[in-house]
Amino acid sequence: MAKDPAFLFYYQDFLVGIDHMTDEQVGQYIKCLCHQANRGSIREEHMLNICRTQVNHNIVQEKFLKDKNGEFYNKRLRFEIEKRVNYCESRRNNRLSEKTYVPHMENENIVLKDKGIVKGKRKFRPPTLQQVKEYVKEIKSQIDPELFFHTYESSGWIKANGQRVLNWKSTLQTWDKKQEVKNDPSKIMAEIHR
């Protein structure tokens, strides 16, 4: 597996931590962090070479601890890298175990047909006439299921306002409420005074 090319950078914590440094020292510190991210730690000679002066080296080195091999590492960076490795591993395991998984940080133009997801939204699947009839019966609606089905089937499941139907059950419930209002004069008045 290729090395992860990124790590999380908490800019507010960083700004607080570098408040006492010169711009030159900040640049040297960032360069040392990048080298640590690349190889896990940074050798003292390398850090000295990056910092160029003993004064800058002393300031930058304050941000690092020494490991058992005598190399330097930034504790927070090591923690963030390990956290990201664990997160990526858990995502990989989820994919391999075939759990329900929506890929993280995918290109939004990718269409995930096998999951029924398009750009993060659930793909609409029109109901059959039988499904509409069963749902009308289930919610004890007074609407004509065939009229509802054929109205939307003929329009390509587009509402009167030009928007697509995303949830046919919700749309059917709206029809049901409108039917109730038509059949009950007291509800008509309540709708008018809303």
N, C-alpha and C. Protein backbone atom coordinates (compact mmCIF):
# COMPACT_ATOMS: atom_id res chain seq x y z
N MET A 1 0.83 -1.18 0.00
CA MET A 1 0.00 0.00 0.00
C MET A 1 0.88 1.25 0.00
N ALA A 2 0.49 2.24 -0.76
CA ALA A 2 1.26 3.49 -0.86
C ALA A 2 1.17 4.28 0.43
N LYS A 3 2.20 5.07 0.67
CA LYS A 3 2.23 5.92 1.86
C LYS A 3 1.17 7.01 1.73
N ASP A 4 0.49 7.29 2.82
CA ASP A 4 -0.53 8.33 2.84
C ASP A 4 0.14 9.68 2.59
N PRO A 5 -0.32 10.44 1.60
CA PRO A 5 0.34 11.70 1.26
C PRO A 5 -0.14 12.90 2.08
N ALA A 6 -0.97 12.67 3.10
CA ALA A 6 -1.54 13.80 3.84
C ALA A 6 -1.65 13.49 5.33
N PHE A 7 -1.75 14.55 6.10
CA PHE A 7 -2.10 14.43 7.52
C PHE A 7 -2.96 15.63 7.87
N LEU A 8 -3.79 15.47 8.92
CA LEU A 8 -4.66 16.56 9.33
C LEU A 8 -3.82 17.68 9.94
N PHE A 9 -4.18 18.89 9.61
CA PHE A 9 -3.45 20.07 10.07
C PHE A 9 -4.44 20.97 10.80
N TYR A 10 -4.32 21.06 12.11
CA TYR A 10 -5.20 21.87 12.93
C TYR A 10 -4.59 23.27 13.05
N TYR A 11 -5.02 24.15 12.18
CA TYR A 11 -4.37 25.45 12.06
C TYR A 11 -4.44 26.30 13.32
N GLN A 12 -5.54 26.21 14.09
CA GLN A 12 -5.64 27.03 15.30
C GLN A 12 -4.61 26.57 16.33
N ASP A 13 -4.49 25.27 16.53
CA ASP A 13 -3.48 24.74 17.44
C ASP A 13 -2.09 25.13 16.96
N PHE A 14 -1.88 25.04 15.65
CA PHE A 14 -0.59 25.37 15.07
C PHE A 14 -0.23 26.84 15.33
N LEU A 15 -1.19 27.74 15.06
CA LEU A 15 -0.94 29.17 15.25
C LEU A 15 -0.58 29.50 16.70
N VAL A 16 -1.25 28.86 17.65
CA VAL A 16 -0.92 29.08 19.06
C VAL A 16 0.48 28.57 19.35
N GLY A 17 0.83 27.42 18.79
CA GLY A 17 2.12 26.80 19.06
C GLY A 17 3.32 27.50 18.46
N ILE A 18 3.11 28.31 17.43
CA ILE A 18 4.23 28.98 16.75
C ILE A 18 4.30 30.47 17.05
N ASP A 19 3.50 30.92 17.98
CA ASP A 19 3.39 32.35 18.26
C ASP A 19 4.74 33.01 18.58
N HIS A 20 5.64 32.27 19.17
CA HIS A 20 6.95 32.82 19.56
C HIS A 20 8.02 32.68 18.49
N MET A 21 7.69 32.06 17.35
CA MET A 21 8.69 31.79 16.31
C MET A 21 8.73 32.88 15.25
N THR A 22 9.88 33.02 14.62
CA THR A 22 10.00 33.91 13.47
C THR A 22 9.42 33.18 12.26
N ASP A 23 9.18 33.92 11.18
CA ASP A 23 8.66 33.29 9.96
C ASP A 23 9.64 32.24 9.44
N GLU A 24 10.92 32.53 9.53
CA GLU A 24 11.94 31.58 9.08
C GLU A 24 11.86 30.28 9.89
N GLN A 25 11.71 30.40 11.20
CA GLN A 25 11.62 29.22 12.06
C GLN A 25 10.34 28.43 11.79
N VAL A 26 9.25 29.14 11.50
CA VAL A 26 7.98 28.47 11.18
C VAL A 26 8.15 27.63 9.91
N GLY A 27 8.78 28.19 8.90
CA GLY A 27 9.03 27.44 7.66
C GLY A 27 9.90 26.23 7.91
N GLN A 28 10.91 26.37 8.74
CA GLN A 28 11.80 25.26 9.06
C GLN A 28 11.05 24.18 9.86
N TYR A 29 10.19 24.61 10.76
CA TYR A 29 9.38 23.69 11.56
C TYR A 29 8.46 22.87 10.65
N ILE A 30 7.80 23.55 9.73
CA ILE A 30 6.90 22.84 8.79
C ILE A 30 7.69 21.84 7.95
N LYS A 31 8.84 22.24 7.49
CA LYS A 31 9.67 21.34 6.69
C LYS A 31 10.06 20.10 7.51
N CYS A 32 10.40 20.28 8.79
CA CYS A 32 10.74 19.15 9.66
C CYS A 32 9.52 18.24 9.86
N LEU A 33 8.34 18.85 10.03
CA LEU A 33 7.12 18.05 10.18
C LEU A 33 6.87 17.20 8.93
N CYS A 34 7.08 17.79 7.77
CA CYS A 34 6.87 17.05 6.51
C CYS A 34 7.84 15.88 6.39
N HIS A 35 9.08 16.10 6.79
CA HIS A 35 10.06 15.00 6.74
C HIS A 35 9.69 13.90 7.73
N GLN A 36 9.18 14.29 8.90
CA GLN A 36 8.72 13.29 9.86
C GLN A 36 7.55 12.49 9.27
N ALA A 37 6.62 13.19 8.65
CA ALA A 37 5.46 12.50 8.06
C ALA A 37 5.92 11.52 6.99
N ASN A 38 6.97 11.84 6.30
CA ASN A 38 7.48 10.99 5.23
C ASN A 38 8.18 9.74 5.75
N ARG A 39 8.98 9.87 6.83
CA ARG A 39 9.75 8.70 7.27
C ARG A 39 9.53 8.28 8.72
N GLY A 40 8.62 8.97 9.44
CA GLY A 40 8.30 8.56 10.81
C GLY A 40 9.04 9.33 11.89
N SER A 41 10.21 9.83 11.54
CA SER A 41 11.01 10.65 12.47
C SER A 41 12.02 11.43 11.63
N ILE A 42 12.76 12.29 12.30
CA ILE A 42 13.76 13.07 11.59
C ILE A 42 15.07 13.04 12.37
N ARG A 43 16.16 12.80 11.65
CA ARG A 43 17.47 12.73 12.29
C ARG A 43 17.92 14.13 12.72
N GLU A 44 18.72 14.21 13.76
CA GLU A 44 19.18 15.51 14.26
C GLU A 44 20.00 16.24 13.20
N GLU A 45 20.86 15.52 12.48
CA GLU A 45 21.67 16.18 11.44
C GLU A 45 20.78 16.79 10.37
N HIS A 46 19.71 16.08 10.03
CA HIS A 46 18.78 16.58 9.01
C HIS A 46 18.09 17.85 9.52
N MET A 47 17.66 17.81 10.79
CA MET A 47 17.01 18.97 11.38
C MET A 47 17.98 20.17 11.41
N LEU A 48 19.23 19.92 11.78
CA LEU A 48 20.24 20.99 11.79
C LEU A 48 20.44 21.57 10.40
N ASN A 49 20.47 20.70 9.40
CA ASN A 49 20.63 21.14 8.01
C ASN A 49 19.46 22.01 7.57
N ILE A 50 18.24 21.64 7.97
CA ILE A 50 17.05 22.42 7.62
C ILE A 50 17.06 23.77 8.34
N CYS A 51 17.43 23.76 9.62
CA CYS A 51 17.38 24.98 10.44
C CYS A 51 18.53 25.94 10.19
N ARG A 52 19.65 25.45 9.70
CA ARG A 52 20.81 26.24 9.30
C ARG A 52 21.58 26.90 10.46
N THR A 53 20.90 27.42 11.46
CA THR A 53 21.63 28.03 12.59
C THR A 53 21.28 27.29 13.87
N GLN A 54 22.16 27.35 14.82
CA GLN A 54 21.94 26.69 16.10
C GLN A 54 20.74 27.31 16.83
N VAL A 55 20.59 28.63 16.73
CA VAL A 55 19.46 29.31 17.39
C VAL A 55 18.14 28.78 16.84
N ASN A 56 18.00 28.74 15.51
CA ASN A 56 16.76 28.23 14.90
C ASN A 56 16.56 26.76 15.26
N HIS A 57 17.65 25.99 15.23
CA HIS A 57 17.56 24.57 15.56
C HIS A 57 17.04 24.39 16.99
N ASN A 58 17.53 25.17 17.92
CA ASN A 58 17.09 25.05 19.32
C ASN A 58 15.60 25.36 19.46
N ILE A 59 15.12 26.39 18.76
CA ILE A 59 13.70 26.78 18.84
C ILE A 59 12.83 25.68 18.21
N VAL A 60 13.20 25.22 17.03
CA VAL A 60 12.41 24.19 16.32
C VAL A 60 12.45 22.87 17.08
N GLN A 61 13.60 22.52 17.61
CA GLN A 61 13.76 21.24 18.31
C GLN A 61 12.87 21.15 19.56
N GLU A 62 12.48 22.30 20.12
CA GLU A 62 11.58 22.29 21.29
C GLU A 62 10.24 21.62 20.97
N LYS A 63 9.88 21.58 19.71
CA LYS A 63 8.60 21.01 19.29
C LYS A 63 8.67 19.50 19.08
N PHE A 64 9.83 18.90 19.30
CA PHE A 64 10.04 17.48 19.03
C PHE A 64 10.54 16.75 20.27
N LEU A 65 10.25 15.47 20.32
CA LEU A 65 10.78 14.57 21.35
C LEU A 65 11.78 13.64 20.69
N LYS A 66 12.64 13.05 21.51
CA LYS A 66 13.65 12.13 20.99
C LYS A 66 13.17 10.70 21.23
N ASP A 67 13.22 9.86 20.20
CA ASP A 67 12.81 8.47 20.37
C ASP A 67 13.99 7.62 20.82
N LYS A 68 13.77 6.32 21.01
CA LYS A 68 14.82 5.42 21.53
C LYS A 68 15.99 5.27 20.56
N ASN A 69 15.80 5.62 19.28
CA ASN A 69 16.87 5.55 18.29
C ASN A 69 17.64 6.86 18.17
N GLY A 70 17.27 7.83 19.00
CA GLY A 70 17.95 9.12 18.96
C GLY A 70 17.44 10.05 17.87
N GLU A 71 16.31 9.70 17.24
CA GLU A 71 15.72 10.55 16.21
C GLU A 71 14.57 11.34 16.82
N PHE A 72 14.18 12.41 16.15
CA PHE A 72 13.16 13.32 16.69
C PHE A 72 11.80 13.10 16.03
N TYR A 73 10.76 13.34 16.82
CA TYR A 73 9.39 13.25 16.31
C TYR A 73 8.52 14.24 17.08
N ASN A 74 7.53 14.77 16.38
CA ASN A 74 6.54 15.63 16.99
C ASN A 74 5.41 14.73 17.48
N LYS A 75 5.12 14.80 18.77
CA LYS A 75 4.14 13.90 19.39
C LYS A 75 2.75 14.05 18.75
N ARG A 76 2.31 15.28 18.53
CA ARG A 76 0.97 15.51 17.96
C ARG A 76 0.89 14.97 16.54
N LEU A 77 1.94 15.20 15.75
CA LEU A 77 1.93 14.70 14.38
C LEU A 77 1.90 13.19 14.36
N ARG A 78 2.65 12.55 15.22
CA ARG A 78 2.65 11.09 15.27
C ARG A 78 1.25 10.57 15.63
N PHE A 79 0.61 11.23 16.59
CA PHE A 79 -0.75 10.85 17.00
C PHE A 79 -1.73 10.99 15.82
N GLU A 80 -1.66 12.12 15.11
CA GLU A 80 -2.59 12.36 13.99
C GLU A 80 -2.36 11.38 12.85
N ILE A 81 -1.12 11.04 12.59
CA ILE A 81 -0.82 10.06 11.53
C ILE A 81 -1.35 8.68 11.92
N GLU A 82 -1.16 8.28 13.17
CA GLU A 82 -1.67 6.98 13.63
C GLU A 82 -3.20 6.95 13.58
N LYS A 83 -3.82 8.06 13.97
CA LYS A 83 -5.28 8.15 13.94
C LYS A 83 -5.79 8.00 12.51
N ARG A 84 -5.11 8.64 11.56
CA ARG A 84 -5.53 8.55 10.16
C ARG A 84 -5.30 7.14 9.61
N VAL A 85 -4.21 6.51 9.97
CA VAL A 85 -3.94 5.13 9.54
C VAL A 85 -5.05 4.22 10.04
N ASN A 86 -5.44 4.37 11.31
CA ASN A 86 -6.51 3.54 11.88
C ASN A 86 -7.84 3.79 11.19
N TYR A 87 -8.12 5.06 10.89
CA TYR A 87 -9.37 5.39 10.20
C TYR A 87 -9.39 4.75 8.81
N CYS A 88 -8.30 4.92 8.07
CA CYS A 88 -8.24 4.34 6.71
C CYS A 88 -8.37 2.82 6.76
N GLU A 89 -7.75 2.21 7.75
CA GLU A 89 -7.84 0.76 7.91
C GLU A 89 -9.28 0.33 8.20
N SER A 90 -9.99 1.08 9.04
CA SER A 90 -11.38 0.73 9.34
C SER A 90 -12.25 0.87 8.09
N ARG A 91 -12.00 1.90 7.27
CA ARG A 91 -12.75 2.07 6.02
C ARG A 91 -12.48 0.91 5.07
N ARG A 92 -11.21 0.51 4.98
CA ARG A 92 -10.83 -0.60 4.11
C ARG A 92 -11.50 -1.88 4.58
N ASN A 93 -11.50 -2.13 5.89
CA ASN A 93 -12.14 -3.33 6.43
C ASN A 93 -13.64 -3.33 6.18
N ASN A 94 -14.27 -2.16 6.26
CA ASN A 94 -15.70 -2.08 5.97
C ASN A 94 -15.98 -2.45 4.52
N ARG A 95 -15.14 -1.98 3.61
CA ARG A 95 -15.34 -2.33 2.20
C ARG A 95 -15.16 -3.82 1.98
N LEU A 96 -14.15 -4.38 2.61
CA LEU A 96 -13.86 -5.80 2.41
C LEU A 96 -14.92 -6.69 3.03
N SER A 97 -15.54 -6.24 4.13
CA SER A 97 -16.55 -7.07 4.78
C SER A 97 -17.93 -6.88 4.16
N GLU A 98 -18.01 -6.06 3.11
CA GLU A 98 -19.25 -5.82 2.36
C GLU A 98 -20.36 -5.26 3.22
N LYS A 99 -20.00 -4.49 4.25
CA LYS A 99 -21.02 -3.77 5.02
C LYS A 99 -21.53 -2.64 4.15
N THR A 100 -22.68 -2.07 4.51
CA THR A 100 -23.19 -0.93 3.77
C THR A 100 -22.15 0.17 3.89
N TYR A 101 -21.73 0.68 2.77
CA TYR A 101 -20.63 1.63 2.77
C TYR A 101 -20.80 2.63 1.65
N VAL A 102 -20.79 3.90 2.00
CA VAL A 102 -20.78 4.95 1.01
C VAL A 102 -19.37 5.50 1.02
N PRO A 103 -18.65 5.41 -0.10
CA PRO A 103 -17.26 5.84 -0.11
C PRO A 103 -17.09 7.28 0.36
N HIS A 104 -16.06 7.50 1.16
CA HIS A 104 -15.73 8.78 1.75
C HIS A 104 -14.82 9.55 0.80
N MET A 105 -15.15 10.81 0.57
CA MET A 105 -14.34 11.70 -0.27
C MET A 105 -14.20 11.20 -1.71
N GLU A 106 -15.27 10.61 -2.26
CA GLU A 106 -15.25 10.20 -3.66
C GLU A 106 -15.49 11.43 -4.54
N ASN A 107 -15.09 11.35 -5.78
CA ASN A 107 -15.40 12.37 -6.75
C ASN A 107 -16.91 12.40 -6.92
N GLU A 108 -17.54 13.58 -6.84
CA GLU A 108 -18.99 13.64 -6.87
C GLU A 108 -19.59 13.21 -8.19
N ASN A 109 -18.81 13.10 -9.24
CA ASN A 109 -19.32 12.67 -10.53
C ASN A 109 -19.44 11.16 -10.64
N ILE A 110 -18.92 10.44 -9.65
CA ILE A 110 -19.00 8.99 -9.68
C ILE A 110 -20.41 8.56 -9.31
N VAL A 111 -21.00 7.74 -10.13
CA VAL A 111 -22.36 7.25 -9.87
C VAL A 111 -22.23 5.83 -9.33
N LEU A 112 -22.79 5.62 -8.15
CA LEU A 112 -22.69 4.31 -7.51
C LEU A 112 -23.97 3.52 -7.78
N LYS A 113 -24.08 3.03 -9.01
CA LYS A 113 -25.30 2.36 -9.44
C LYS A 113 -25.64 1.14 -8.60
N ASP A 114 -24.63 0.37 -8.21
CA ASP A 114 -24.90 -0.85 -7.47
C ASP A 114 -25.49 -0.59 -6.09
N LYS A 115 -25.30 0.61 -5.54
CA LYS A 115 -25.86 0.94 -4.23
C LYS A 115 -27.12 1.78 -4.36
N GLY A 116 -27.49 2.17 -5.60
CA GLY A 116 -28.66 3.01 -5.80
C GLY A 116 -28.43 4.43 -5.32
N ILE A 117 -27.18 4.89 -5.36
CA ILE A 117 -26.86 6.22 -4.85
C ILE A 117 -26.28 7.05 -6.00
N VAL A 118 -26.78 8.26 -6.15
CA VAL A 118 -26.25 9.17 -7.14
C VAL A 118 -25.90 10.46 -6.42
N LYS A 119 -24.59 10.82 -6.44
CA LYS A 119 -24.11 12.03 -5.79
C LYS A 119 -24.64 12.14 -4.36
N GLY A 120 -24.62 11.05 -3.62
CA GLY A 120 -24.99 11.08 -2.22
C GLY A 120 -26.49 10.99 -1.96
N LYS A 121 -27.31 10.94 -3.01
CA LYS A 121 -28.76 10.85 -2.81
C LYS A 121 -29.24 9.48 -3.23
N ARG A 122 -30.28 9.04 -2.57
CA ARG A 122 -30.88 7.76 -2.87
C ARG A 122 -31.56 7.85 -4.24
N LYS A 123 -31.36 6.87 -5.10
CA LYS A 123 -31.96 6.86 -6.43
C LYS A 123 -33.44 6.51 -6.31
N PHE A 124 -34.29 7.28 -6.98
CA PHE A 124 -35.73 7.04 -6.94
C PHE A 124 -36.09 5.84 -7.81
N ARG A 125 -36.87 4.95 -7.23
CA ARG A 125 -37.38 3.80 -7.98
C ARG A 125 -38.90 3.89 -7.96
N PRO A 126 -39.53 4.10 -9.12
CA PRO A 126 -41.00 4.23 -9.15
C PRO A 126 -41.67 2.96 -8.65
N PRO A 127 -42.81 3.12 -7.97
CA PRO A 127 -43.53 1.95 -7.47
C PRO A 127 -44.32 1.29 -8.59
N THR A 128 -44.74 0.08 -8.32
CA THR A 128 -45.67 -0.58 -9.23
C THR A 128 -47.07 -0.18 -8.81
N LEU A 129 -48.04 -0.41 -9.68
CA LEU A 129 -49.43 -0.12 -9.33
C LEU A 129 -49.84 -0.93 -8.10
N GLN A 130 -49.38 -2.16 -8.02
CA GLN A 130 -49.71 -3.01 -6.87
C GLN A 130 -49.16 -2.41 -5.56
N GLN A 131 -47.94 -1.87 -5.60
CA GLN A 131 -47.37 -1.26 -4.40
C GLN A 131 -48.20 -0.05 -3.96
N VAL A 132 -48.65 0.74 -4.93
CA VAL A 132 -49.47 1.91 -4.61
C VAL A 132 -50.78 1.46 -3.97
N LYS A 133 -51.41 0.43 -4.55
CA LYS A 133 -52.67 -0.07 -3.99
C LYS A 133 -52.49 -0.56 -2.56
N GLU A 134 -51.41 -1.29 -2.31
CA GLU A 134 -51.14 -1.82 -0.97
C GLU A 134 -50.89 -0.69 0.03
N TYR A 135 -50.18 0.36 -0.40
CA TYR A 135 -49.88 1.46 0.51
C TYR A 135 -51.15 2.26 0.82
N VAL A 136 -52.00 2.48 -0.19
CA VAL A 136 -53.26 3.19 0.02
C VAL A 136 -54.10 2.44 1.05
N LYS A 137 -54.12 1.12 0.92
CA LYS A 137 -54.87 0.29 1.87
C LYS A 137 -54.24 0.36 3.27
N GLU A 138 -52.92 0.32 3.32
CA GLU A 138 -52.19 0.34 4.60
C GLU A 138 -52.47 1.62 5.39
N ILE A 139 -52.48 2.76 4.71
CA ILE A 139 -52.69 4.03 5.43
C ILE A 139 -54.16 4.45 5.45
N LYS A 140 -55.01 3.56 4.92
CA LYS A 140 -56.46 3.79 4.90
C LYS A 140 -56.81 5.11 4.22
N SER A 141 -56.22 5.32 3.06
CA SER A 141 -56.43 6.54 2.30
C SER A 141 -57.69 6.42 1.45
N GLN A 142 -58.28 7.56 1.13
CA GLN A 142 -59.49 7.59 0.30
C GLN A 142 -59.17 7.90 -1.17
N ILE A 143 -57.89 8.07 -1.51
CA ILE A 143 -57.58 8.42 -2.89
C ILE A 143 -57.66 7.18 -3.78
N ASP A 144 -57.81 7.43 -5.07
CA ASP A 144 -57.86 6.36 -6.06
C ASP A 144 -56.41 5.99 -6.43
N PRO A 145 -55.94 4.79 -6.05
CA PRO A 145 -54.55 4.43 -6.30
C PRO A 145 -54.21 4.40 -7.80
N GLU A 146 -55.17 4.01 -8.63
CA GLU A 146 -54.91 3.97 -10.07
C GLU A 146 -54.75 5.37 -10.63
N LEU A 147 -55.57 6.32 -10.16
CA LEU A 147 -55.46 7.69 -10.62
C LEU A 147 -54.09 8.27 -10.22
N PHE A 148 -53.69 8.04 -8.97
CA PHE A 148 -52.39 8.51 -8.50
C PHE A 148 -51.27 7.91 -9.35
N PHE A 149 -51.29 6.59 -9.50
CA PHE A 149 -50.23 5.89 -10.23
C PHE A 149 -50.13 6.38 -11.67
N HIS A 150 -51.25 6.41 -12.38
CA HIS A 150 -51.22 6.77 -13.81
C HIS A 150 -50.89 8.25 -14.02
N THR A 151 -51.29 9.11 -13.08
CA THR A 151 -50.95 10.53 -13.19
C THR A 151 -49.44 10.71 -13.18
N TYR A 152 -48.77 10.06 -12.22
CA TYR A 152 -47.32 10.23 -12.10
C TYR A 152 -46.54 9.37 -13.10
N GLU A 153 -47.07 8.21 -13.41
CA GLU A 153 -46.40 7.34 -14.39
C GLU A 153 -46.34 8.04 -15.75
N SER A 154 -47.45 8.70 -16.13
CA SER A 154 -47.50 9.37 -17.44
C SER A 154 -46.63 10.62 -17.48
N SER A 155 -46.37 11.23 -16.33
CA SER A 155 -45.53 12.44 -16.30
C SER A 155 -44.06 12.13 -16.07
N GLY A 156 -43.73 10.84 -15.97
CA GLY A 156 -42.34 10.47 -15.68
C GLY A 156 -41.97 10.74 -14.24
N TRP A 157 -42.95 10.70 -13.36
CA TRP A 157 -42.79 10.94 -11.93
C TRP A 157 -42.25 12.35 -11.66
N ILE A 158 -42.88 13.31 -12.39
CA ILE A 158 -42.60 14.73 -12.20
C ILE A 158 -43.87 15.36 -11.63
N LYS A 159 -43.69 16.17 -10.56
CA LYS A 159 -44.83 16.84 -9.92
C LYS A 159 -45.32 18.00 -10.78
N ALA A 160 -46.48 18.54 -10.43
CA ALA A 160 -47.06 19.66 -11.17
C ALA A 160 -46.15 20.88 -11.15
N ASN A 161 -45.34 21.03 -10.09
CA ASN A 161 -44.43 22.19 -9.99
C ASN A 161 -43.12 21.97 -10.76
N GLY A 162 -43.01 20.82 -11.46
CA GLY A 162 -41.83 20.54 -12.27
C GLY A 162 -40.71 19.80 -11.55
N GLN A 163 -40.87 19.58 -10.26
CA GLN A 163 -39.84 18.86 -9.51
C GLN A 163 -40.08 17.35 -9.60
N ARG A 164 -38.98 16.61 -9.49
CA ARG A 164 -39.08 15.15 -9.52
C ARG A 164 -39.67 14.63 -8.22
N VAL A 165 -40.39 13.54 -8.30
CA VAL A 165 -40.86 12.85 -7.11
C VAL A 165 -39.65 12.11 -6.54
N LEU A 166 -39.33 12.39 -5.29
CA LEU A 166 -38.21 11.71 -4.64
C LEU A 166 -38.70 10.59 -3.74
N ASN A 167 -39.92 10.75 -3.21
CA ASN A 167 -40.48 9.76 -2.31
C ASN A 167 -41.97 9.63 -2.64
N TRP A 168 -42.33 8.57 -3.32
CA TRP A 168 -43.71 8.44 -3.79
C TRP A 168 -44.70 8.31 -2.65
N LYS A 169 -44.29 7.70 -1.54
CA LYS A 169 -45.20 7.55 -0.39
C LYS A 169 -45.54 8.91 0.20
N SER A 170 -44.55 9.76 0.30
CA SER A 170 -44.78 11.11 0.82
C SER A 170 -45.70 11.89 -0.12
N THR A 171 -45.47 11.74 -1.41
CA THR A 171 -46.31 12.41 -2.41
C THR A 171 -47.75 11.90 -2.32
N LEU A 172 -47.91 10.61 -2.12
CA LEU A 172 -49.25 10.03 -1.97
C LEU A 172 -49.93 10.57 -0.71
N GLN A 173 -49.21 10.72 0.36
CA GLN A 173 -49.77 11.26 1.60
C GLN A 173 -50.22 12.71 1.41
N THR A 174 -49.48 13.47 0.59
CA THR A 174 -49.88 14.85 0.29
C THR A 174 -51.19 14.84 -0.48
N TRP A 175 -51.32 13.94 -1.45
CA TRP A 175 -52.58 13.79 -2.18
C TRP A 175 -53.70 13.47 -1.21
N ASP A 176 -53.43 12.58 -0.27
CA ASP A 176 -54.44 12.16 0.71
C ASP A 176 -54.92 13.34 1.54
N LYS A 177 -54.00 14.19 1.99
CA LYS A 177 -54.36 15.36 2.79
C LYS A 177 -55.21 16.34 1.97
N LYS A 178 -54.83 16.52 0.70
CA LYS A 178 -55.62 17.41 -0.16
C LYS A 178 -57.03 16.87 -0.36
N GLN A 179 -57.15 15.54 -0.46
CA GLN A 179 -58.45 14.89 -0.61
C GLN A 179 -59.31 15.13 0.63
N GLU A 180 -58.68 15.02 1.82
CA GLU A 180 -59.40 15.26 3.08
C GLU A 180 -59.94 16.68 3.12
N VAL A 181 -59.14 17.64 2.70
CA VAL A 181 -59.55 19.04 2.72
C VAL A 181 -60.73 19.25 1.77
N LYS A 182 -60.69 18.64 0.59
CA LYS A 182 -61.79 18.77 -0.37
C LYS A 182 -63.09 18.21 0.18
N ASN A 183 -63.01 17.13 0.94
CA ASN A 183 -64.20 16.45 1.43
C ASN A 183 -64.75 17.01 2.74
N ASP A 184 -64.01 17.90 3.41
CA ASP A 184 -64.43 18.42 4.71
C ASP A 184 -64.39 19.94 4.69
N PRO A 185 -65.58 20.60 4.62
CA PRO A 185 -65.63 22.07 4.54
C PRO A 185 -64.92 22.77 5.71
N SER A 186 -64.94 22.20 6.90
CA SER A 186 -64.27 22.85 8.05
C SER A 186 -62.75 22.90 7.83
N LYS A 187 -62.19 21.88 7.14
CA LYS A 187 -60.76 21.87 6.86
C LYS A 187 -60.40 22.89 5.78
N ILE A 188 -61.35 23.15 4.88
CA ILE A 188 -61.12 24.17 3.85
C ILE A 188 -60.92 25.53 4.53
N MET A 189 -61.79 25.83 5.50
CA MET A 189 -61.68 27.10 6.22
C MET A 189 -60.38 27.18 7.00
N ALA A 190 -60.00 26.05 7.60
CA ALA A 190 -58.75 26.03 8.37
C ALA A 190 -57.55 26.29 7.44
N GLU A 191 -57.57 25.73 6.24
CA GLU A 191 -56.49 25.94 5.28
C GLU A 191 -56.44 27.39 4.83
N ILE A 192 -57.62 28.02 4.63
CA ILE A 192 -57.69 29.41 4.19
C ILE A 192 -57.08 30.34 5.24
N HIS A 193 -57.35 30.05 6.53
CA HIS A 193 -56.90 30.92 7.62
C HIS A 193 -55.50 30.63 8.12
N ARG A 194 -54.79 29.75 7.50
CA ARG A 194 -53.41 29.41 7.89
C ARG A 194 -52.46 30.51 7.63
